[in-house]
Amino acid sequence: MTDDKTPDNDTPPDRLSIDPRSPHFNAEVLQRDVGIRFKGVEKTNVEEYSVSEGWVRVAAGNAKDRYGNSLTIKLTGAVEPYFKDKKPA
């Protein structure tokens, strides 16, 4: 039985975060270099995404909260995660 957080296939998880404090953080998956297409456009500043809910969180410029963490904006739309190291067929 496999759990959806293990990177044993070529499909990224439904939800993933780069913040180690998040329950959706998965270092093994992030090591494979996940790319995100949001509304058909490649995004490089995504902090977290959810395919099933159709949103991404992106950094809001250089703004920080009082704890020094980046402020994020939640954008809704079509999310397509993929592994950049995946060999083309």
PDB file of N, CA and C in Angstrom:
ATOM      1  N   MET A   1       0.839  -1.162   0.000  1.00  0.00           N
ATOM      2  CA  MET A   1       0.000   0.000   0.000  1.00  0.00           C
ATOM      3  C   MET A   1       0.893   1.237   0.000  1.00  0.00           C
ATOM      4  N   THR A   2       0.635   2.167  -0.903  1.00  0.00           N
ATOM      5  CA  THR A   2       1.448   3.377  -0.979  1.00  0.00           C
ATOM      6  C   THR A   2       0.659   4.556  -0.471  1.00  0.00           C
ATOM      7  N   ASP A   3       1.378   5.518   0.030  1.00  0.00           N
ATOM      8  CA  ASP A   3       0.745   6.733   0.516  1.00  0.00           C
ATOM      9  C   ASP A   3       0.973   7.813  -0.536  1.00  0.00           C
ATOM     10  N   ASP A   4       0.053   8.781  -0.650  1.00  0.00           N
ATOM     11  CA  ASP A   4       0.130   9.742  -1.746  1.00  0.00           C
ATOM     12  C   ASP A   4       1.285  10.723  -1.618  1.00  0.00           C
ATOM     13  N   LYS A   5       2.076  10.637  -0.555  1.00  0.00           N
ATOM     14  CA  LYS A   5       3.212  11.536  -0.390  1.00  0.00           C
ATOM     15  C   LYS A   5       4.511  10.938  -0.900  1.00  0.00           C
ATOM     16  N   THR A   6       4.497   9.675  -1.316  1.00  0.00           N
ATOM     17  CA  THR A   6       5.724   9.058  -1.795  1.00  0.00           C
ATOM     18  C   THR A   6       5.866   9.269  -3.293  1.00  0.00           C
ATOM     19  N   PRO A   7       7.071   9.637  -3.753  1.00  0.00           N
ATOM     20  CA  PRO A   7       7.272   9.932  -5.169  1.00  0.00           C
ATOM     21  C   PRO A   7       7.593   8.699  -6.007  1.00  0.00           C
ATOM     22  N   ASP A   8       6.759   7.617  -5.879  1.00  0.00           N
ATOM     23  CA  ASP A   8       7.059   6.387  -6.588  1.00  0.00           C
ATOM     24  C   ASP A   8       6.526   6.375  -8.012  1.00  0.00           C
ATOM     25  N   ASN A   9       5.820   7.429  -8.429  1.00  0.00           N
ATOM     26  CA  ASN A   9       5.356   7.490  -9.814  1.00  0.00           C
ATOM     27  C   ASN A   9       5.708   8.858 -10.396  1.00  0.00           C
ATOM     28  N   ASP A  10       5.287   9.113 -11.610  1.00  0.00           N
ATOM     29  CA  ASP A  10       5.640  10.367 -12.268  1.00  0.00           C
ATOM     30  C   ASP A  10       4.554  11.425 -12.159  1.00  0.00           C
ATOM     31  N   THR A  11       3.666  11.286 -11.193  1.00  0.00           N
ATOM     32  CA  THR A  11       2.620  12.275 -10.966  1.00  0.00           C
ATOM     33  C   THR A  11       2.875  12.970  -9.632  1.00  0.00           C
ATOM     34  N   PRO A  12       3.048  14.285  -9.643  1.00  0.00           N
ATOM     35  CA  PRO A  12       3.233  15.009  -8.382  1.00  0.00           C
ATOM     36  C   PRO A  12       1.973  14.907  -7.509  1.00  0.00           C
ATOM     37  N   PRO A  13       2.098  15.120  -6.213  1.00  0.00           N
ATOM     38  CA  PRO A  13       0.938  15.024  -5.330  1.00  0.00           C
ATOM     39  C   PRO A  13      -0.092  16.118  -5.629  1.00  0.00           C
ATOM     40  N   ASP A  14      -1.327  15.891  -5.171  1.00  0.00           N
ATOM     41  CA  ASP A  14      -2.417  16.841  -5.381  1.00  0.00           C
ATOM     42  C   ASP A  14      -2.143  18.182  -4.717  1.00  0.00           C
ATOM     43  N   ARG A  15      -1.475  18.152  -3.564  1.00  0.00           N
ATOM     44  CA  ARG A  15      -1.165  19.385  -2.844  1.00  0.00           C
ATOM     45  C   ARG A  15       0.261  19.301  -2.318  1.00  0.00           C
ATOM     46  N   LEU A  16       1.012  20.411  -2.453  1.00  0.00           N
ATOM     47  CA  LEU A  16       2.408  20.418  -2.039  1.00  0.00           C
ATOM     48  C   LEU A  16       2.795  21.814  -1.590  1.00  0.00           C
ATOM     49  N   SER A  17       3.644  21.902  -0.565  1.00  0.00           N
ATOM     50  CA  SER A  17       4.116  23.177  -0.040  1.00  0.00           C
ATOM     51  C   SER A  17       5.630  23.130   0.103  1.00  0.00           C
ATOM     52  N   ILE A  18       6.287  24.289  -0.071  1.00  0.00           N
ATOM     53  CA  ILE A  18       7.736  24.349   0.138  1.00  0.00           C
ATOM     54  C   ILE A  18       8.080  24.744   1.569  1.00  0.00           C
ATOM     55  N   ASP A  19       7.078  25.063   2.384  1.00  0.00           N
ATOM     56  CA  ASP A  19       7.286  25.465   3.782  1.00  0.00           C
ATOM     57  C   ASP A  19       7.413  24.223   4.666  1.00  0.00           C
ATOM     58  N   PRO A  20       8.567  24.009   5.328  1.00  0.00           N
ATOM     59  CA  PRO A  20       8.755  22.818   6.165  1.00  0.00           C
ATOM     60  C   PRO A  20       7.767  22.720   7.333  1.00  0.00           C
ATOM     61  N   ARG A  21       7.137  23.812   7.711  1.00  0.00           N
ATOM     62  CA  ARG A  21       6.166  23.774   8.817  1.00  0.00           C
ATOM     63  C   ARG A  21       4.788  23.293   8.374  1.00  0.00           C
ATOM     64  N   SER A  22       4.562  23.206   7.074  1.00  0.00           N
ATOM     65  CA  SER A  22       3.262  22.817   6.529  1.00  0.00           C
ATOM     66  C   SER A  22       3.073  21.303   6.583  1.00  0.00           C
ATOM     67  N   PRO A  23       1.848  20.834   6.808  1.00  0.00           N
ATOM     68  CA  PRO A  23       1.602  19.386   6.745  1.00  0.00           C
ATOM     69  C   PRO A  23       1.692  18.841   5.314  1.00  0.00           C
ATOM     70  N   HIS A  24       1.728  19.721   4.317  1.00  0.00           N
ATOM     71  CA  HIS A  24       1.804  19.311   2.908  1.00  0.00           C
ATOM     72  C   HIS A  24       3.224  19.392   2.358  1.00  0.00           C
ATOM     73  N   PHE A  25       4.194  19.600   3.221  1.00  0.00           N
ATOM     74  CA  PHE A  25       5.614  19.629   2.839  1.00  0.00           C
ATOM     75  C   PHE A  25       6.107  18.204   2.635  1.00  0.00           C
ATOM     76  N   ASN A  26       6.857  17.973   1.552  1.00  0.00           N
ATOM     77  CA  ASN A  26       7.429  16.654   1.290  1.00  0.00           C
ATOM     78  C   ASN A  26       8.781  16.852   0.608  1.00  0.00           C
ATOM     79  N   ALA A  27       9.856  16.708   1.377  1.00  0.00           N
ATOM     80  CA  ALA A  27      11.213  16.960   0.875  1.00  0.00           C
ATOM     81  C   ALA A  27      11.583  16.028  -0.273  1.00  0.00           C
ATOM     82  N   GLU A  28      11.167  14.751  -0.221  1.00  0.00           N
ATOM     83  CA  GLU A  28      11.512  13.791  -1.267  1.00  0.00           C
ATOM     84  C   GLU A  28      10.936  14.218  -2.616  1.00  0.00           C
ATOM     85  N   VAL A  29       9.700  14.694  -2.624  1.00  0.00           N
ATOM     86  CA  VAL A  29       9.064  15.138  -3.862  1.00  0.00           C
ATOM     87  C   VAL A  29       9.728  16.422  -4.354  1.00  0.00           C
ATOM     88  N   LEU A  30      10.024  17.342  -3.452  1.00  0.00           N
ATOM     89  CA  LEU A  30      10.633  18.615  -3.841  1.00  0.00           C
ATOM     90  C   LEU A  30      12.035  18.419  -4.425  1.00  0.00           C
ATOM     91  N   GLN A  31      12.746  17.384  -4.015  1.00  0.00           N
ATOM     92  CA  GLN A  31      14.074  17.102  -4.567  1.00  0.00           C
ATOM     93  C   GLN A  31      14.015  16.760  -6.043  1.00  0.00           C
ATOM     94  N   ARG A  32      12.864  16.297  -6.511  1.00  0.00           N
ATOM     95  CA  ARG A  32      12.709  15.947  -7.932  1.00  0.00           C
ATOM     96  C   ARG A  32      12.451  17.171  -8.795  1.00  0.00           C
ATOM     97  N   ASP A  33      12.398  18.356  -8.220  1.00  0.00           N
ATOM     98  CA  ASP A  33      12.214  19.608  -8.952  1.00  0.00           C
ATOM     99  C   ASP A  33      10.850  19.650  -9.647  1.00  0.00           C
ATOM    100  N   VAL A  34       9.846  20.032  -8.888  1.00  0.00           N
ATOM    101  CA  VAL A  34       8.478  20.123  -9.385  1.00  0.00           C
ATOM    102  C   VAL A  34       8.280  21.461 -10.092  1.00  0.00           C
ATOM    103  N   GLY A  35       7.734  21.415 -11.289  1.00  0.00           N
ATOM    104  CA  GLY A  35       7.385  22.624 -12.036  1.00  0.00           C
ATOM    105  C   GLY A  35       5.881  22.841 -11.958  1.00  0.00           C
ATOM    106  N   ILE A  36       5.452  24.091 -12.079  1.00  0.00           N
ATOM    107  CA  ILE A  36       4.022  24.412 -12.001  1.00  0.00           C
ATOM    108  C   ILE A  36       3.627  25.244 -13.216  1.00  0.00           C
ATOM    109  N   ARG A  37       2.568  24.800 -13.895  1.00  0.00           N
ATOM    110  CA  ARG A  37       1.936  25.621 -14.918  1.00  0.00           C
ATOM    111  C   ARG A  37       0.615  26.086 -14.334  1.00  0.00           C
ATOM    112  N   PHE A  38       0.427  27.395 -14.261  1.00  0.00           N
ATOM    113  CA  PHE A  38      -0.792  27.969 -13.713  1.00  0.00           C
ATOM    114  C   PHE A  38      -1.489  28.741 -14.823  1.00  0.00           C
ATOM    115  N   LYS A  39      -2.676  28.306 -15.178  1.00  0.00           N
ATOM    116  CA  LYS A  39      -3.430  28.876 -16.305  1.00  0.00           C
ATOM    117  C   LYS A  39      -2.595  28.838 -17.586  1.00  0.00           C
ATOM    118  N   GLY A  40      -1.817  27.767 -17.753  1.00  0.00           N
ATOM    119  CA  GLY A  40      -1.023  27.575 -18.952  1.00  0.00           C
ATOM    120  C   GLY A  40       0.309  28.305 -18.978  1.00  0.00           C
ATOM    121  N   VAL A  41       0.651  29.037 -17.902  1.00  0.00           N
ATOM    122  CA  VAL A  41       1.896  29.808 -17.843  1.00  0.00           C
ATOM    123  C   VAL A  41       2.805  29.217 -16.773  1.00  0.00           C
ATOM    124  N   GLU A  42       4.085  29.028 -17.122  1.00  0.00           N
ATOM    125  CA  GLU A  42       5.066  28.507 -16.166  1.00  0.00           C
ATOM    126  C   GLU A  42       5.275  29.504 -15.031  1.00  0.00           C
ATOM    127  N   LYS A  43       5.136  29.049 -13.783  1.00  0.00           N
ATOM    128  CA  LYS A  43       5.350  29.895 -12.607  1.00  0.00           C
ATOM    129  C   LYS A  43       6.554  29.368 -11.831  1.00  0.00           C
ATOM    130  N   THR A  44       7.429  30.287 -11.400  1.00  0.00           N
ATOM    131  CA  THR A  44       8.615  29.881 -10.643  1.00  0.00           C
ATOM    132  C   THR A  44       8.568  30.349  -9.196  1.00  0.00           C
ATOM    133  N   ASN A  45       7.551  31.125  -8.818  1.00  0.00           N
ATOM    134  CA  ASN A  45       7.484  31.667  -7.463  1.00  0.00           C
ATOM    135  C   ASN A  45       6.351  31.064  -6.636  1.00  0.00           C
ATOM    136  N   VAL A  46       5.948  29.839  -6.928  1.00  0.00           N
ATOM    137  CA  VAL A  46       4.851  29.183  -6.218  1.00  0.00           C
ATOM    138  C   VAL A  46       5.350  28.642  -4.885  1.00  0.00           C
ATOM    139  N   GLU A  47       4.661  28.998  -3.804  1.00  0.00           N
ATOM    140  CA  GLU A  47       5.006  28.515  -2.457  1.00  0.00           C
ATOM    141  C   GLU A  47       4.217  27.249  -2.111  1.00  0.00           C
ATOM    142  N   GLU A  48       2.980  27.153  -2.608  1.00  0.00           N
ATOM    143  CA  GLU A  48       2.112  26.011  -2.323  1.00  0.00           C
ATOM    144  C   GLU A  48       1.071  25.924  -3.429  1.00  0.00           C
ATOM    145  N   TYR A  49       0.593  24.711  -3.709  1.00  0.00           N
ATOM    146  CA  TYR A  49      -0.465  24.557  -4.701  1.00  0.00           C
ATOM    147  C   TYR A  49      -1.423  23.457  -4.297  1.00  0.00           C
ATOM    148  N   SER A  50      -2.626  23.497  -4.864  1.00  0.00           N
ATOM    149  CA  SER A  50      -3.611  22.433  -4.714  1.00  0.00           C
ATOM    150  C   SER A  50      -4.301  22.252  -6.058  1.00  0.00           C
ATOM    151  N   VAL A  51      -4.132  21.081  -6.656  1.00  0.00           N
ATOM    152  CA  VAL A  51      -4.736  20.807  -7.952  1.00  0.00           C
ATOM    153  C   VAL A  51      -6.242  20.648  -7.812  1.00  0.00           C
ATOM    154  N   SER A  52      -6.702  19.858  -6.831  1.00  0.00           N
ATOM    155  CA  SER A  52      -8.125  19.579  -6.686  1.00  0.00           C
ATOM    156  C   SER A  52      -8.938  20.823  -6.328  1.00  0.00           C
ATOM    157  N   GLU A  53      -8.342  21.747  -5.578  1.00  0.00           N
ATOM    158  CA  GLU A  53      -9.051  22.971  -5.215  1.00  0.00           C
ATOM    159  C   GLU A  53      -8.795  24.091  -6.214  1.00  0.00           C
ATOM    160  N   GLY A  54      -7.810  23.933  -7.110  1.00  0.00           N
ATOM    161  CA  GLY A  54      -7.545  24.882  -8.176  1.00  0.00           C
ATOM    162  C   GLY A  54      -6.974  26.214  -7.723  1.00  0.00           C
ATOM    163  N   TRP A  55      -5.891  26.181  -6.929  1.00  0.00           N
ATOM    164  CA  TRP A  55      -5.253  27.422  -6.494  1.00  0.00           C
ATOM    165  C   TRP A  55      -3.758  27.237  -6.296  1.00  0.00           C
ATOM    166  N   VAL A  56      -3.047  28.373  -6.312  1.00  0.00           N
ATOM    167  CA  VAL A  56      -1.628  28.423  -5.971  1.00  0.00           C
ATOM    168  C   VAL A  56      -1.420  29.588  -5.018  1.00  0.00           C
ATOM    169  N   ARG A  57      -0.391  29.492  -4.191  1.00  0.00           N
ATOM    170  CA  ARG A  57       0.035  30.611  -3.344  1.00  0.00           C
ATOM    171  C   ARG A  57       1.380  31.071  -3.869  1.00  0.00           C
ATOM    172  N   VAL A  58       1.472  32.367  -4.182  1.00  0.00           N
ATOM    173  CA  VAL A  58       2.718  32.941  -4.682  1.00  0.00           C
ATOM    174  C   VAL A  58       3.168  34.057  -3.751  1.00  0.00           C
ATOM    175  N   ALA A  59       4.471  34.281  -3.719  1.00  0.00           N
ATOM    176  CA  ALA A  59       5.033  35.343  -2.875  1.00  0.00           C
ATOM    177  C   ALA A  59       4.532  36.701  -3.360  1.00  0.00           C
ATOM    178  N   ALA A  60       4.229  37.580  -2.406  1.00  0.00           N
ATOM    179  CA  ALA A  60       3.740  38.928  -2.707  1.00  0.00           C
ATOM    180  C   ALA A  60       4.922  39.893  -2.680  1.00  0.00           C
ATOM    181  N   GLY A  61       5.730  39.847  -3.712  1.00  0.00           N
ATOM    182  CA  GLY A  61       6.903  40.723  -3.776  1.00  0.00           C
ATOM    183  C   GLY A  61       7.897  40.399  -2.683  1.00  0.00           C
ATOM    184  N   ASN A  62       8.465  41.442  -2.077  1.00  0.00           N
ATOM    185  CA  ASN A  62       9.434  41.259  -0.992  1.00  0.00           C
ATOM    186  C   ASN A  62       8.810  41.453   0.376  1.00  0.00           C
ATOM    187  N   ALA A  63       7.483  41.542   0.452  1.00  0.00           N
ATOM    188  CA  ALA A  63       6.789  41.787   1.716  1.00  0.00           C
ATOM    189  C   ALA A  63       6.975  40.614   2.675  1.00  0.00           C
ATOM    190  N   LYS A  64       7.175  40.940   3.951  1.00  0.00           N
ATOM    191  CA  LYS A  64       7.348  39.932   5.006  1.00  0.00           C
ATOM    192  C   LYS A  64       6.342  40.196   6.120  1.00  0.00           C
ATOM    193  N   ASP A  65       5.956  39.118   6.818  1.00  0.00           N
ATOM    194  CA  ASP A  65       5.115  39.307   7.994  1.00  0.00           C
ATOM    195  C   ASP A  65       6.006  39.614   9.202  1.00  0.00           C
ATOM    196  N   ARG A  66       5.420  39.762  10.367  1.00  0.00           N
ATOM    197  CA  ARG A  66       6.216  40.154  11.537  1.00  0.00           C
ATOM    198  C   ARG A  66       7.183  39.073  12.012  1.00  0.00           C
ATOM    199  N   TYR A  67       7.045  37.856  11.482  1.00  0.00           N
ATOM    200  CA  TYR A  67       7.958  36.776  11.843  1.00  0.00           C
ATOM    201  C   TYR A  67       9.046  36.569  10.785  1.00  0.00           C
ATOM    202  N   GLY A  68       9.035  37.382   9.736  1.00  0.00           N
ATOM    203  CA  GLY A  68      10.041  37.287   8.691  1.00  0.00           C
ATOM    204  C   GLY A  68       9.693  36.339   7.562  1.00  0.00           C
ATOM    205  N   ASN A  69       8.466  35.809   7.569  1.00  0.00           N
ATOM    206  CA  ASN A  69       8.024  34.911   6.501  1.00  0.00           C
ATOM    207  C   ASN A  69       7.451  35.728   5.348  1.00  0.00           C
ATOM    208  N   SER A  70       7.600  35.228   4.134  1.00  0.00           N
ATOM    209  CA  SER A  70       7.052  35.909   2.971  1.00  0.00           C
ATOM    210  C   SER A  70       5.527  35.944   3.023  1.00  0.00           C
ATOM    211  N   LEU A  71       4.961  37.089   2.645  1.00  0.00           N
ATOM    212  CA  LEU A  71       3.514  37.168   2.502  1.00  0.00           C
ATOM    213  C   LEU A  71       3.145  36.538   1.165  1.00  0.00           C
ATOM    214  N   THR A  72       2.019  35.849   1.134  1.00  0.00           N
ATOM    215  CA  THR A  72       1.606  35.176  -0.085  1.00  0.00           C
ATOM    216  C   THR A  72       0.212  35.626  -0.511  1.00  0.00           C
ATOM    217  N   ILE A  73      -0.052  35.438  -1.794  1.00  0.00           N
ATOM    218  CA  ILE A  73      -1.357  35.727  -2.382  1.00  0.00           C
ATOM    219  C   ILE A  73      -1.884  34.415  -2.955  1.00  0.00           C
ATOM    220  N   LYS A  74      -3.162  34.136  -2.716  1.00  0.00           N
ATOM    221  CA  LYS A  74      -3.788  32.930  -3.244  1.00  0.00           C
ATOM    222  C   LYS A  74      -4.471  33.278  -4.562  1.00  0.00           C
ATOM    223  N   LEU A  75      -4.053  32.598  -5.638  1.00  0.00           N
ATOM    224  CA  LEU A  75      -4.623  32.805  -6.963  1.00  0.00           C
ATOM    225  C   LEU A  75      -5.383  31.543  -7.372  1.00  0.00           C
ATOM    226  N   THR A  76      -6.555  31.699  -7.966  1.00  0.00           N
ATOM    227  CA  THR A  76      -7.339  30.538  -8.376  1.00  0.00           C
ATOM    228  C   THR A  76      -7.288  30.370  -9.888  1.00  0.00           C
ATOM    229  N   GLY A  77      -7.298  29.116 -10.305  1.00  0.00           N
ATOM    230  CA  GLY A  77      -7.263  28.785 -11.731  1.00  0.00           C
ATOM    231  C   GLY A  77      -6.756  27.369 -11.926  1.00  0.00           C
ATOM    232  N   ALA A  78      -6.541  27.000 -13.171  1.00  0.00           N
ATOM    233  CA  ALA A  78      -6.074  25.649 -13.509  1.00  0.00           C
ATOM    234  C   ALA A  78      -4.607  25.482 -13.114  1.00  0.00           C
ATOM    235  N   VAL A  79      -4.319  24.424 -12.338  1.00  0.00           N
ATOM    236  CA  VAL A  79      -2.968  24.144 -11.852  1.00  0.00           C
ATOM    237  C   VAL A  79      -2.495  22.827 -12.455  1.00  0.00           C
ATOM    238  N   GLU A  80      -1.300  22.833 -13.060  1.00  0.00           N
ATOM    239  CA  GLU A  80      -0.717  21.633 -13.656  1.00  0.00           C
ATOM    240  C   GLU A  80       0.699  21.421 -13.123  1.00  0.00           C
ATOM    241  N   PRO A  81       0.863  20.588 -12.075  1.00  0.00           N
ATOM    242  CA  PRO A  81       2.220  20.291 -11.599  1.00  0.00           C
ATOM    243  C   PRO A  81       2.850  19.187 -12.448  1.00  0.00           C
ATOM    244  N   TYR A  82       4.171  19.220 -12.562  1.00  0.00           N
ATOM    245  CA  TYR A  82       4.891  18.180 -13.292  1.00  0.00           C
ATOM    246  C   TYR A  82       6.310  18.108 -12.744  1.00  0.00           C
ATOM    247  N   PHE A  83       6.954  16.964 -12.974  1.00  0.00           N
ATOM    248  CA  PHE A  83       8.350  16.797 -12.585  1.00  0.00           C
ATOM    249  C   PHE A  83       9.233  17.247 -13.732  1.00  0.00           C
ATOM    250  N   LYS A  84      10.167  18.156 -13.463  1.00  0.00           N
ATOM    251  CA  LYS A  84      11.055  18.658 -14.513  1.00  0.00           C
ATOM    252  C   LYS A  84      12.052  17.601 -14.959  1.00  0.00           C
ATOM    253  N   ASP A  85      12.362  16.628 -14.083  1.00  0.00           N
ATOM    254  CA  ASP A  85      13.328  15.582 -14.442  1.00  0.00           C
ATOM    255  C   ASP A  85      12.706  14.412 -15.178  1.00  0.00           C
ATOM    256  N   LYS A  86      11.403  14.472 -15.448  1.00  0.00           N
ATOM    257  CA  LYS A  86      10.710  13.379 -16.133  1.00  0.00           C
ATOM    258  C   LYS A  86      11.221  13.260 -17.559  1.00  0.00           C
ATOM    259  N   LYS A  87      11.538  12.055 -17.945  1.00  0.00           N
ATOM    260  CA  LYS A  87      12.059  11.799 -19.287  1.00  0.00           C
ATOM    261  C   LYS A  87      10.898  11.886 -20.293  1.00  0.00           C
ATOM    262  N   PRO A  88      11.085  12.609 -21.403  1.00  0.00           N
ATOM    263  CA  PRO A  88      10.020  12.667 -22.407  1.00  0.00           C
ATOM    264  C   PRO A  88       9.809  11.301 -23.064  1.00  0.00           C
ATOM    265  N   ALA A  89       8.563  11.016 -23.403  1.00  0.00           N
ATOM    266  CA  ALA A  89       8.221   9.708 -23.983  1.00  0.00           C
ATOM    267  C   ALA A  89       8.583   9.622 -25.442  1.00  0.00           C
TER     268      ALA A  89
END
